Amino acid sequence: MQRRDIAAAQRELIGLGYDVGGADGLIGNKTRRSIGAWQTQNGQPATCYPDNKTLRALLQ
């Protein structure tokens, strides 16, 4: 997973109203918390980690 992929996911989360702390491509606490919340709201296990499955679903 590349930094640009994480930044794209962060931008998507920001657009959905999540506070990721900025689209810098780094997986910090706010990004992990937001990913976990998104996963829960979308029927996925809340791992709070942007694995490939989560990124594909988020960026569709």
PDB file of N, CA and C in Angstrom:
ATOM      1  N   MET A   1       0.843  -1.163   0.000  1.00  0.00           N
ATOM      2  CA  MET A   1       0.000   0.000   0.000  1.00  0.00           C
ATOM      3  C   MET A   1       0.897   1.237   0.000  1.00  0.00           C
ATOM      4  N   GLN A   2       0.615   2.122  -0.906  1.00  0.00           N
ATOM      5  CA  GLN A   2       1.454   3.307  -1.047  1.00  0.00           C
ATOM      6  C   GLN A   2       0.805   4.517  -0.376  1.00  0.00           C
ATOM      7  N   ARG A   3       1.649   5.465  -0.090  1.00  0.00           N
ATOM      8  CA  ARG A   3       1.190   6.682   0.588  1.00  0.00           C
ATOM      9  C   ARG A   3       0.101   7.391  -0.208  1.00  0.00           C
ATOM     10  N   ARG A   4       0.214   7.370  -1.528  1.00  0.00           N
ATOM     11  CA  ARG A   4      -0.812   8.041  -2.353  1.00  0.00           C
ATOM     12  C   ARG A   4      -2.162   7.344  -2.229  1.00  0.00           C
ATOM     13  N   ASP A   5      -2.159   6.019  -2.018  1.00  0.00           N
ATOM     14  CA  ASP A   5      -3.410   5.283  -1.817  1.00  0.00           C
ATOM     15  C   ASP A   5      -4.070   5.687  -0.501  1.00  0.00           C
ATOM     16  N   ILE A   6      -3.262   5.820   0.533  1.00  0.00           N
ATOM     17  CA  ILE A   6      -3.784   6.252   1.833  1.00  0.00           C
ATOM     18  C   ILE A   6      -4.324   7.671   1.734  1.00  0.00           C
ATOM     19  N   ALA A   7      -3.601   8.557   1.042  1.00  0.00           N
ATOM     20  CA  ALA A   7      -4.060   9.945   0.874  1.00  0.00           C
ATOM     21  C   ALA A   7      -5.388   9.990   0.120  1.00  0.00           C
ATOM     22  N   ALA A   8      -5.542   9.137  -0.890  1.00  0.00           N
ATOM     23  CA  ALA A   8      -6.807   9.088  -1.631  1.00  0.00           C
ATOM     24  C   ALA A   8      -7.944   8.638  -0.711  1.00  0.00           C
ATOM     25  N   ALA A   9      -7.677   7.640   0.108  1.00  0.00           N
ATOM     26  CA  ALA A   9      -8.686   7.180   1.064  1.00  0.00           C
ATOM     27  C   ALA A   9      -9.017   8.277   2.066  1.00  0.00           C
ATOM     28  N   GLN A  10      -8.014   8.996   2.520  1.00  0.00           N
ATOM     29  CA  GLN A  10      -8.252  10.098   3.456  1.00  0.00           C
ATOM     30  C   GLN A  10      -9.111  11.176   2.813  1.00  0.00           C
ATOM     31  N   ARG A  11      -8.840  11.504   1.566  1.00  0.00           N
ATOM     32  CA  ARG A  11      -9.663  12.517   0.881  1.00  0.00           C
ATOM     33  C   ARG A  11     -11.110  12.045   0.762  1.00  0.00           C
ATOM     34  N   GLU A  12     -11.297  10.774   0.480  1.00  0.00           N
ATOM     35  CA  GLU A  12     -12.651  10.220   0.386  1.00  0.00           C
ATOM     36  C   GLU A  12     -13.347  10.294   1.748  1.00  0.00           C
ATOM     37  N   LEU A  13     -12.640   9.911   2.793  1.00  0.00           N
ATOM     38  CA  LEU A  13     -13.221   9.974   4.131  1.00  0.00           C
ATOM     39  C   LEU A  13     -13.576  11.411   4.518  1.00  0.00           C
ATOM     40  N   ILE A  14     -12.706  12.350   4.188  1.00  0.00           N
ATOM     41  CA  ILE A  14     -12.992  13.761   4.456  1.00  0.00           C
ATOM     42  C   ILE A  14     -14.270  14.178   3.729  1.00  0.00           C
ATOM     43  N   GLY A  15     -14.404  13.761   2.470  1.00  0.00           N
ATOM     44  CA  GLY A  15     -15.596  14.076   1.693  1.00  0.00           C
ATOM     45  C   GLY A  15     -16.861  13.474   2.281  1.00  0.00           C
ATOM     46  N   LEU A  16     -16.706  12.385   3.018  1.00  0.00           N
ATOM     47  CA  LEU A  16     -17.845  11.743   3.665  1.00  0.00           C
ATOM     48  C   LEU A  16     -18.110  12.300   5.061  1.00  0.00           C
ATOM     49  N   GLY A  17     -17.304  13.269   5.477  1.00  0.00           N
ATOM     50  CA  GLY A  17     -17.529  13.938   6.750  1.00  0.00           C
ATOM     51  C   GLY A  17     -16.696  13.437   7.917  1.00  0.00           C
ATOM     52  N   TYR A  18     -15.729  12.587   7.657  1.00  0.00           N
ATOM     53  CA  TYR A  18     -14.861  12.082   8.732  1.00  0.00           C
ATOM     54  C   TYR A  18     -13.687  13.033   8.952  1.00  0.00           C
ATOM     55  N   ASP A  19     -13.232  13.087  10.196  1.00  0.00           N
ATOM     56  CA  ASP A  19     -12.075  13.912  10.549  1.00  0.00           C
ATOM     57  C   ASP A  19     -10.836  13.025  10.589  1.00  0.00           C
ATOM     58  N   VAL A  20     -10.049  13.053   9.523  1.00  0.00           N
ATOM     59  CA  VAL A  20      -8.834  12.242   9.465  1.00  0.00           C
ATOM     60  C   VAL A  20      -7.596  13.067   9.798  1.00  0.00           C
ATOM     61  N   GLY A  21      -7.784  14.350  10.023  1.00  0.00           N
ATOM     62  CA  GLY A  21      -6.661  15.211  10.362  1.00  0.00           C
ATOM     63  C   GLY A  21      -5.890  15.715   9.160  1.00  0.00           C
ATOM     64  N   GLY A  22      -6.349  15.442   7.967  1.00  0.00           N
ATOM     65  CA  GLY A  22      -5.686  15.905   6.747  1.00  0.00           C
ATOM     66  C   GLY A  22      -5.278  14.733   5.873  1.00  0.00           C
ATOM     67  N   ALA A  23      -5.210  14.980   4.584  1.00  0.00           N
ATOM     68  CA  ALA A  23      -4.864  13.941   3.607  1.00  0.00           C
ATOM     69  C   ALA A  23      -3.363  13.961   3.337  1.00  0.00           C
ATOM     70  N   ASP A  24      -2.597  13.425   4.301  1.00  0.00           N
ATOM     71  CA  ASP A  24      -1.148  13.432   4.157  1.00  0.00           C
ATOM     72  C   ASP A  24      -0.563  12.072   3.771  1.00  0.00           C
ATOM     73  N   GLY A  25      -1.423  11.059   3.681  1.00  0.00           N
ATOM     74  CA  GLY A  25      -0.951   9.731   3.307  1.00  0.00           C
ATOM     75  C   GLY A  25      -0.365   8.928   4.446  1.00  0.00           C
ATOM     76  N   LEU A  26      -0.445   9.458   5.666  1.00  0.00           N
ATOM     77  CA  LEU A  26       0.066   8.755   6.834  1.00  0.00           C
ATOM     78  C   LEU A  26      -1.103   8.206   7.657  1.00  0.00           C
ATOM     79  N   ILE A  27      -0.924   7.035   8.224  1.00  0.00           N
ATOM     80  CA  ILE A  27      -1.996   6.388   8.977  1.00  0.00           C
ATOM     81  C   ILE A  27      -1.841   6.728  10.457  1.00  0.00           C
ATOM     82  N   GLY A  28      -2.418   7.854  10.835  1.00  0.00           N
ATOM     83  CA  GLY A  28      -2.367   8.282  12.228  1.00  0.00           C
ATOM     84  C   GLY A  28      -3.629   7.872  12.968  1.00  0.00           C
ATOM     85  N   ASN A  29      -3.730   8.315  14.213  1.00  0.00           N
ATOM     86  CA  ASN A  29      -4.870   7.950  15.057  1.00  0.00           C
ATOM     87  C   ASN A  29      -6.213   8.371  14.475  1.00  0.00           C
ATOM     88  N   LYS A  30      -6.293   9.595  13.962  1.00  0.00           N
ATOM     89  CA  LYS A  30      -7.566  10.074  13.407  1.00  0.00           C
ATOM     90  C   LYS A  30      -7.955   9.283  12.163  1.00  0.00           C
ATOM     91  N   THR A  31      -6.981   8.946  11.344  1.00  0.00           N
ATOM     92  CA  THR A  31      -7.273   8.153  10.153  1.00  0.00           C
ATOM     93  C   THR A  31      -7.748   6.767  10.559  1.00  0.00           C
ATOM     94  N   ARG A  32      -7.084   6.137  11.499  1.00  0.00           N
ATOM     95  CA  ARG A  32      -7.477   4.798  11.945  1.00  0.00           C
ATOM     96  C   ARG A  32      -8.874   4.809  12.559  1.00  0.00           C
ATOM     97  N   ARG A  33      -9.149   5.813  13.375  1.00  0.00           N
ATOM     98  CA  ARG A  33     -10.476   5.923  13.990  1.00  0.00           C
ATOM     99  C   ARG A  33     -11.551   6.106  12.922  1.00  0.00           C
ATOM    100  N   SER A  34     -11.268   6.934  11.937  1.00  0.00           N
ATOM    101  CA  SER A  34     -12.232   7.178  10.863  1.00  0.00           C
ATOM    102  C   SER A  34     -12.445   5.940  10.011  1.00  0.00           C
ATOM    103  N   ILE A  35     -11.383   5.222   9.730  1.00  0.00           N
ATOM    104  CA  ILE A  35     -11.517   3.981   8.955  1.00  0.00           C
ATOM    105  C   ILE A  35     -12.369   2.980   9.723  1.00  0.00           C
ATOM    106  N   GLY A  36     -12.134   2.851  11.025  1.00  0.00           N
ATOM    107  CA  GLY A  36     -12.930   1.945  11.842  1.00  0.00           C
ATOM    108  C   GLY A  36     -14.403   2.307  11.839  1.00  0.00           C
ATOM    109  N   ALA A  37     -14.692   3.585  11.945  1.00  0.00           N
ATOM    110  CA  ALA A  37     -16.089   4.043  11.912  1.00  0.00           C
ATOM    111  C   ALA A  37     -16.709   3.755  10.549  1.00  0.00           C
ATOM    112  N   TRP A  38     -15.970   4.022   9.481  1.00  0.00           N
ATOM    113  CA  TRP A  38     -16.472   3.752   8.135  1.00  0.00           C
ATOM    114  C   TRP A  38     -16.715   2.256   7.949  1.00  0.00           C
ATOM    115  N   GLN A  39     -15.776   1.430   8.412  1.00  0.00           N
ATOM    116  CA  GLN A  39     -15.934  -0.021   8.292  1.00  0.00           C
ATOM    117  C   GLN A  39     -17.204  -0.477   9.007  1.00  0.00           C
ATOM    118  N   THR A  40     -17.416  -0.006  10.213  1.00  0.00           N
ATOM    119  CA  THR A  40     -18.605  -0.389  10.979  1.00  0.00           C
ATOM    120  C   THR A  40     -19.879   0.017  10.243  1.00  0.00           C
ATOM    121  N   GLN A  41     -19.904   1.225   9.721  1.00  0.00           N
ATOM    122  CA  GLN A  41     -21.094   1.724   9.030  1.00  0.00           C
ATOM    123  C   GLN A  41     -21.333   1.025   7.695  1.00  0.00           C
ATOM    124  N   ASN A  42     -20.329   0.324   7.203  1.00  0.00           N
ATOM    125  CA  ASN A  42     -20.459  -0.351   5.914  1.00  0.00           C
ATOM    126  C   ASN A  42     -20.389  -1.874   6.038  1.00  0.00           C
ATOM    127  N   GLY A  43     -20.707  -2.377   7.222  1.00  0.00           N
ATOM    128  CA  GLY A  43     -20.838  -3.809   7.426  1.00  0.00           C
ATOM    129  C   GLY A  43     -19.548  -4.606   7.407  1.00  0.00           C
ATOM    130  N   GLN A  44     -18.434  -3.940   7.621  1.00  0.00           N
ATOM    131  CA  GLN A  44     -17.149  -4.623   7.667  1.00  0.00           C
ATOM    132  C   GLN A  44     -16.669  -4.701   9.110  1.00  0.00           C
ATOM    133  N   PRO A  45     -15.834  -5.678   9.415  1.00  0.00           N
ATOM    134  CA  PRO A  45     -15.245  -5.705  10.764  1.00  0.00           C
ATOM    135  C   PRO A  45     -14.382  -4.459  10.977  1.00  0.00           C
ATOM    136  N   ALA A  46     -14.508  -3.855  12.142  1.00  0.00           N
ATOM    137  CA  ALA A  46     -13.769  -2.621  12.426  1.00  0.00           C
ATOM    138  C   ALA A  46     -12.339  -2.940  12.843  1.00  0.00           C
ATOM    139  N   THR A  47     -11.468  -3.082  11.858  1.00  0.00           N
ATOM    140  CA  THR A  47     -10.057  -3.331  12.124  1.00  0.00           C
ATOM    141  C   THR A  47      -9.294  -2.030  12.338  1.00  0.00           C
ATOM    142  N   CYS A  48      -9.869  -0.933  11.875  1.00  0.00           N
ATOM    143  CA  CYS A  48      -9.250   0.397  11.943  1.00  0.00           C
ATOM    144  C   CYS A  48      -7.947   0.451  11.142  1.00  0.00           C
ATOM    145  N   TYR A  49      -7.801  -0.460  10.201  1.00  0.00           N
ATOM    146  CA  TYR A  49      -6.610  -0.478   9.359  1.00  0.00           C
ATOM    147  C   TYR A  49      -7.035  -0.506   7.891  1.00  0.00           C
ATOM    148  N   PRO A  50      -6.416   0.305   7.052  1.00  0.00           N
ATOM    149  CA  PRO A  50      -6.804   0.389   5.641  1.00  0.00           C
ATOM    150  C   PRO A  50      -6.213  -0.754   4.801  1.00  0.00           C
ATOM    151  N   ASP A  51      -6.766  -1.962   4.943  1.00  0.00           N
ATOM    152  CA  ASP A  51      -6.287  -3.065   4.118  1.00  0.00           C
ATOM    153  C   ASP A  51      -6.794  -2.890   2.686  1.00  0.00           C
ATOM    154  N   ASN A  52      -6.350  -3.746   1.796  1.00  0.00           N
ATOM    155  CA  ASN A  52      -6.716  -3.613   0.378  1.00  0.00           C
ATOM    156  C   ASN A  52      -8.219  -3.693   0.157  1.00  0.00           C
ATOM    157  N   LYS A  53      -8.911  -4.579   0.875  1.00  0.00           N
ATOM    158  CA  LYS A  53     -10.359  -4.720   0.726  1.00  0.00           C
ATOM    159  C   LYS A  53     -11.062  -3.427   1.117  1.00  0.00           C
ATOM    160  N   THR A  54     -10.658  -2.845   2.233  1.00  0.00           N
ATOM    161  CA  THR A  54     -11.256  -1.599   2.696  1.00  0.00           C
ATOM    162  C   THR A  54     -10.986  -0.461   1.706  1.00  0.00           C
ATOM    163  N   LEU A  55      -9.763  -0.356   1.233  1.00  0.00           N
ATOM    164  CA  LEU A  55      -9.433   0.706   0.277  1.00  0.00           C
ATOM    165  C   LEU A  55     -10.237   0.568  -1.011  1.00  0.00           C
ATOM    166  N   ARG A  56     -10.360  -0.644  -1.530  1.00  0.00           N
ATOM    167  CA  ARG A  56     -11.146  -0.842  -2.754  1.00  0.00           C
ATOM    168  C   ARG A  56     -12.586  -0.415  -2.555  1.00  0.00           C
ATOM    169  N   ALA A  57     -13.175  -0.828  -1.432  1.00  0.00           N
ATOM    170  CA  ALA A  57     -14.573  -0.476  -1.153  1.00  0.00           C
ATOM    171  C   ALA A  57     -14.741   1.024  -0.955  1.00  0.00           C
ATOM    172  N   LEU A  58     -13.811   1.632  -0.270  1.00  0.00           N
ATOM    173  CA  LEU A  58     -13.892   3.066   0.017  1.00  0.00           C
ATOM    174  C   LEU A  58     -13.716   3.908  -1.242  1.00  0.00           C
ATOM    175  N   LEU A  59     -12.850   3.479  -2.132  1.00  0.00           N
ATOM    176  CA  LEU A  59     -12.532   4.297  -3.298  1.00  0.00           C
ATOM    177  C   LEU A  59     -13.389   3.990  -4.532  1.00  0.00           C
ATOM    178  N   GLN A  60     -14.431   3.193  -4.368  1.00  0.00           N
ATOM    179  CA  GLN A  60     -15.318   2.911  -5.508  1.00  0.00           C
ATOM    180  C   GLN A  60     -16.213   4.059  -5.807  1.00  0.00           C
TER     181      GLN A  60
END
